[in-house]
């Protein structure tokens, strides 16, 4: 995880927003397409909350570095302890 003293957090928020933006655009585009087909507006209200919820979870995961912690070195950080 990034060191909080050396990282001001703006880069992580920007990277998180850039990573989540395509998924948010696809979800909102899907809602617009469904409403454009002439379906009831209730379908838009039914589909939009899950899309927003998943995008917020993904943004939090990218912003806090949770994703980087899980995709890093699988051996851990104790490489100096090897003989």
C-alpha atoms as a PDB file:
ATOM      1  CA  UNK A   1       0.000   0.000   0.000  1.00  0.00           C
ATOM      2  CA  UNK A   2       1.198   3.522  -0.694  1.00  0.00           C
ATOM      3  CA  UNK A   3       2.869   5.401   2.119  1.00  0.00           C
ATOM      4  CA  UNK A   4       0.478   8.123   3.377  1.00  0.00           C
ATOM      5  CA  UNK A   5       3.373  10.471   4.128  1.00  0.00           C
ATOM      6  CA  UNK A   6       4.672  10.430   0.546  1.00  0.00           C
ATOM      7  CA  UNK A   7       1.351  10.282  -1.286  1.00  0.00           C
ATOM      8  CA  UNK A   8      -1.136  13.121  -0.951  1.00  0.00           C
ATOM      9  CA  UNK A   9      -4.058  10.960  -2.092  1.00  0.00           C
ATOM     10  CA  UNK A  10      -5.088  13.005  -5.127  1.00  0.00           C
ATOM     11  CA  UNK A  11      -3.371  10.642  -7.532  1.00  0.00           C
ATOM     12  CA  UNK A  12      -5.155   7.655  -6.014  1.00  0.00           C
ATOM     13  CA  UNK A  13      -8.537   9.377  -6.277  1.00  0.00           C
ATOM     14  CA  UNK A  14      -7.879  10.374  -9.870  1.00  0.00           C
ATOM     15  CA  UNK A  15      -6.743   6.868 -10.837  1.00  0.00           C
ATOM     16  CA  UNK A  16      -9.774   5.392  -9.079  1.00  0.00           C
ATOM     17  CA  UNK A  17     -12.131   7.718 -10.931  1.00  0.00           C
ATOM     18  CA  UNK A  18     -10.499   6.905 -14.265  1.00  0.00           C
ATOM     19  CA  UNK A  19     -10.774   3.170 -13.567  1.00  0.00           C
ATOM     20  CA  UNK A  20     -14.452   3.306 -12.564  1.00  0.00           C
ATOM     21  CA  UNK A  21     -15.639   5.815 -15.163  1.00  0.00           C
ATOM     22  CA  UNK A  22     -16.064   3.315 -18.056  1.00  0.00           C
ATOM     23  CA  UNK A  23     -18.217   1.009 -15.918  1.00  0.00           C
ATOM     24  CA  UNK A  24     -20.321   3.912 -14.727  1.00  0.00           C
ATOM     25  CA  UNK A  25     -20.753   5.109 -18.319  1.00  0.00           C
ATOM     26  CA  UNK A  26     -21.843   1.617 -19.420  1.00  0.00           C
ATOM     27  CA  UNK A  27     -24.365   1.379 -16.581  1.00  0.00           C
ATOM     28  CA  UNK A  28     -25.856   4.813 -17.191  1.00  0.00           C
ATOM     29  CA  UNK A  29     -25.858   4.160 -20.940  1.00  0.00           C
ATOM     30  CA  UNK A  30     -27.754   0.943 -20.335  1.00  0.00           C
ATOM     31  CA  UNK A  31     -30.375   2.807 -18.311  1.00  0.00           C
ATOM     32  CA  UNK A  32     -30.705   5.463 -21.025  1.00  0.00           C
ATOM     33  CA  UNK A  33     -31.036   2.758 -23.689  1.00  0.00           C
ATOM     34  CA  UNK A  34     -33.770   0.963 -21.739  1.00  0.00           C
ATOM     35  CA  UNK A  35     -35.666   4.195 -21.188  1.00  0.00           C
ATOM     36  CA  UNK A  36     -35.177   5.065 -24.870  1.00  0.00           C
ATOM     37  CA  UNK A  37     -36.870   1.833 -25.875  1.00  0.00           C
ATOM     38  CA  UNK A  38     -39.994   3.110 -24.214  1.00  0.00           C
ATOM     39  CA  UNK A  39     -40.012   0.959 -21.094  1.00  0.00           C
ATOM     40  CA  UNK A  40     -41.423   2.338 -17.877  1.00  0.00           C
ATOM     41  CA  UNK A  41     -39.242   4.673 -15.851  1.00  0.00           C
ATOM     42  CA  UNK A  42     -39.317   2.273 -12.941  1.00  0.00           C
ATOM     43  CA  UNK A  43     -36.816   0.050 -14.781  1.00  0.00           C
ATOM     44  CA  UNK A  44     -34.324   2.900 -14.738  1.00  0.00           C
ATOM     45  CA  UNK A  45     -34.762   3.298 -11.009  1.00  0.00           C
ATOM     46  CA  UNK A  46     -34.367  -0.462 -10.552  1.00  0.00           C
ATOM     47  CA  UNK A  47     -31.147  -0.717 -12.559  1.00  0.00           C
ATOM     48  CA  UNK A  48     -29.352   2.454 -11.499  1.00  0.00           C
ATOM     49  CA  UNK A  49     -28.788   1.735  -7.753  1.00  0.00           C
ATOM     50  CA  UNK A  50     -26.832  -1.525  -8.285  1.00  0.00           C
ATOM     51  CA  UNK A  51     -24.680   0.150 -10.923  1.00  0.00           C
ATOM     52  CA  UNK A  52     -23.917   3.063  -8.616  1.00  0.00           C
ATOM     53  CA  UNK A  53     -23.281   0.758  -5.651  1.00  0.00           C
ATOM     54  CA  UNK A  54     -20.738  -1.363  -7.524  1.00  0.00           C
ATOM     55  CA  UNK A  55     -19.022   1.737  -8.927  1.00  0.00           C
ATOM     56  CA  UNK A  56     -18.690   3.226  -5.435  1.00  0.00           C
ATOM     57  CA  UNK A  57     -17.244  -0.047  -4.101  1.00  0.00           C
ATOM     58  CA  UNK A  58     -14.765  -0.184  -6.973  1.00  0.00           C
ATOM     59  CA  UNK A  59     -13.800   3.473  -6.435  1.00  0.00           C
ATOM     60  CA  UNK A  60     -13.144   2.819  -2.742  1.00  0.00           C
ATOM     61  CA  UNK A  61     -11.083  -0.278  -3.580  1.00  0.00           C
ATOM     62  CA  UNK A  62      -8.924   1.604  -6.084  1.00  0.00           C
ATOM     63  CA  UNK A  63      -8.596   4.723  -3.914  1.00  0.00           C
ATOM     64  CA  UNK A  64      -7.476   2.939  -0.767  1.00  0.00           C
ATOM     65  CA  UNK A  65      -5.012   0.671  -2.551  1.00  0.00           C
ATOM     66  CA  UNK A  66      -6.927  -2.515  -1.816  1.00  0.00           C
ATOM     67  CA  UNK A  67      -6.499  -3.582  -5.432  1.00  0.00           C
ATOM     68  CA  UNK A  68      -2.738  -2.982  -5.386  1.00  0.00           C
ATOM     69  CA  UNK A  69      -2.358  -5.000  -2.177  1.00  0.00           C
ATOM     70  CA  UNK A  70      -3.989  -8.015  -3.803  1.00  0.00           C
ATOM     71  CA  UNK A  71      -2.094  -7.870  -7.093  1.00  0.00           C
ATOM     72  CA  UNK A  72       1.383  -7.352  -5.670  1.00  0.00           C
ATOM     73  CA  UNK A  73       4.069  -9.841  -4.741  1.00  0.00           C
ATOM     74  CA  UNK A  74       2.524 -13.115  -3.577  1.00  0.00           C
ATOM     75  CA  UNK A  75       5.474 -13.929  -1.310  1.00  0.00           C
ATOM     76  CA  UNK A  76       4.877 -10.867   0.835  1.00  0.00           C
ATOM     77  CA  UNK A  77       7.318  -8.171   1.890  1.00  0.00           C
ATOM     78  CA  UNK A  78       9.664 -10.394   3.914  1.00  0.00           C
ATOM     79  CA  UNK A  79      12.119 -11.104   1.091  1.00  0.00           C
ATOM     80  CA  UNK A  80      15.106 -10.081   3.260  1.00  0.00           C
ATOM     81  CA  UNK A  81      14.518 -13.004   5.648  1.00  0.00           C
ATOM     82  CA  UNK A  82      15.480 -15.634   3.052  1.00  0.00           C
ATOM     83  CA  UNK A  83      18.843 -17.391   3.660  1.00  0.00           C
END
